[in-house]
């Protein structure tokens, strides 16, 4: 069980900000659900706990997000470089382009 609370009132932005997106996905939430939670947290000055993607599914989701931003005209130079750096640290073999 992810949430260790006794009442709904204990589910505060501060409490939820200690949870990683990976934990939410592992509990069956979709990336859209995670986005909605992150948006709610941001409206309260918080965010989900930062962590590197765990597993291929999350890495693929990060690649999809970068591609989505790219096709809509956003500059994805920094996120692309960050993901490539992360993947190079996780993988002993050279990582190709993530586009």
Protein backbone atom coordinates (compact mmCIF):
# COMPACT_ATOMS: atom_id res chain seq x y z
CA UNK A 1 0.00 0.00 0.00
CA UNK A 2 1.44 3.33 -1.08
CA UNK A 3 -0.43 5.74 1.17
CA UNK A 4 -0.10 5.10 4.87
CA UNK A 5 -2.89 7.38 6.07
CA UNK A 6 -5.94 6.89 8.24
CA UNK A 7 -8.15 9.68 6.88
CA UNK A 8 -8.48 11.51 3.55
CA UNK A 9 -7.53 14.76 5.33
CA UNK A 10 -4.00 13.38 5.77
CA UNK A 11 -3.51 13.30 1.99
CA UNK A 12 -1.99 16.76 1.71
CA UNK A 13 0.22 18.22 -1.04
CA UNK A 14 3.18 18.02 1.34
CA UNK A 15 2.49 14.33 2.01
CA UNK A 16 2.01 13.44 -1.67
CA UNK A 17 5.18 15.34 -2.64
CA UNK A 18 7.18 12.58 -0.94
CA UNK A 19 6.00 10.04 -3.51
CA UNK A 20 7.86 9.27 -6.76
CA UNK A 21 6.09 8.98 -10.10
CA UNK A 22 7.51 5.44 -10.34
CA UNK A 23 5.62 4.48 -7.21
CA UNK A 24 2.36 5.79 -8.63
CA UNK A 25 2.89 3.97 -11.92
CA UNK A 26 3.72 0.75 -10.04
CA UNK A 27 0.36 1.03 -8.27
CA UNK A 28 -1.46 1.06 -11.60
CA UNK A 29 -1.87 4.77 -12.24
CA UNK A 30 -1.40 5.92 -15.82
CA UNK A 31 1.01 8.65 -16.97
CA UNK A 32 -2.07 10.89 -17.38
CA UNK A 33 -3.01 10.25 -13.72
CA UNK A 34 0.55 11.11 -12.68
CA UNK A 35 0.33 14.33 -14.72
CA UNK A 36 -2.92 15.27 -12.97
CA UNK A 37 -1.34 14.70 -9.56
CA UNK A 38 1.74 16.72 -10.54
CA UNK A 39 -0.52 19.56 -11.75
CA UNK A 40 -2.45 19.50 -8.46
CA UNK A 41 0.81 19.52 -6.51
CA UNK A 42 2.19 22.43 -8.58
CA UNK A 43 -0.93 24.46 -7.81
CA UNK A 44 0.06 24.09 -4.14
CA UNK A 45 3.76 24.86 -4.64
CA UNK A 46 4.89 21.23 -4.56
CA UNK A 47 5.82 18.44 -6.95
CA UNK A 48 6.36 14.72 -6.91
CA UNK A 49 9.66 13.49 -5.49
CA UNK A 50 12.32 13.61 -8.21
CA UNK A 51 13.91 10.31 -9.27
CA UNK A 52 15.48 8.80 -12.37
CA UNK A 53 13.18 6.72 -14.58
CA UNK A 54 12.95 3.15 -13.35
CA UNK A 55 12.79 0.61 -16.14
CA UNK A 56 12.21 0.65 -19.87
CA UNK A 57 8.55 1.68 -19.63
CA UNK A 58 9.42 4.95 -17.88
CA UNK A 59 12.36 5.63 -20.21
CA UNK A 60 10.06 5.13 -23.21
CA UNK A 61 7.53 7.50 -21.64
CA UNK A 62 10.27 10.15 -21.23
CA UNK A 63 11.23 9.69 -24.89
CA UNK A 64 7.57 10.07 -25.93
CA UNK A 65 7.27 13.29 -23.94
CA UNK A 66 10.38 14.74 -25.54
CA UNK A 67 9.13 13.79 -29.00
CA UNK A 68 5.70 15.29 -28.29
CA UNK A 69 7.27 18.60 -27.27
CA UNK A 70 9.58 18.53 -30.29
CA UNK A 71 6.77 18.07 -32.83
CA UNK A 72 4.97 21.03 -31.27
CA UNK A 73 7.91 23.36 -31.75
CA UNK A 74 9.47 23.29 -28.29
CA UNK A 75 13.23 23.40 -27.85
CA UNK A 76 14.04 19.96 -26.47
CA UNK A 77 17.82 20.29 -26.56
CA UNK A 78 18.21 20.27 -22.76
CA UNK A 79 15.77 17.44 -21.92
CA UNK A 80 17.14 15.32 -24.78
CA UNK A 81 20.73 15.86 -23.55
CA UNK A 82 19.72 15.09 -19.96
CA UNK A 83 18.02 11.84 -20.96
CA UNK A 84 20.95 10.78 -23.15
CA UNK A 85 23.34 11.52 -20.26
CA UNK A 86 21.17 9.53 -17.86
CA UNK A 87 20.97 6.59 -20.26
CA UNK A 88 24.73 6.64 -20.79
CA UNK A 89 25.15 6.34 -17.01
CA UNK A 90 22.70 3.44 -16.78
CA UNK A 91 23.87 1.48 -19.81
CA UNK A 92 27.35 0.05 -20.41
CA UNK A 93 26.75 0.19 -24.18
CA UNK A 94 26.64 3.42 -26.21
CA UNK A 95 23.19 4.93 -26.46
CA UNK A 96 21.91 6.09 -29.83
CA UNK A 97 19.76 9.09 -30.58
CA UNK A 98 16.52 9.28 -28.64
CA UNK A 99 14.52 11.08 -31.31
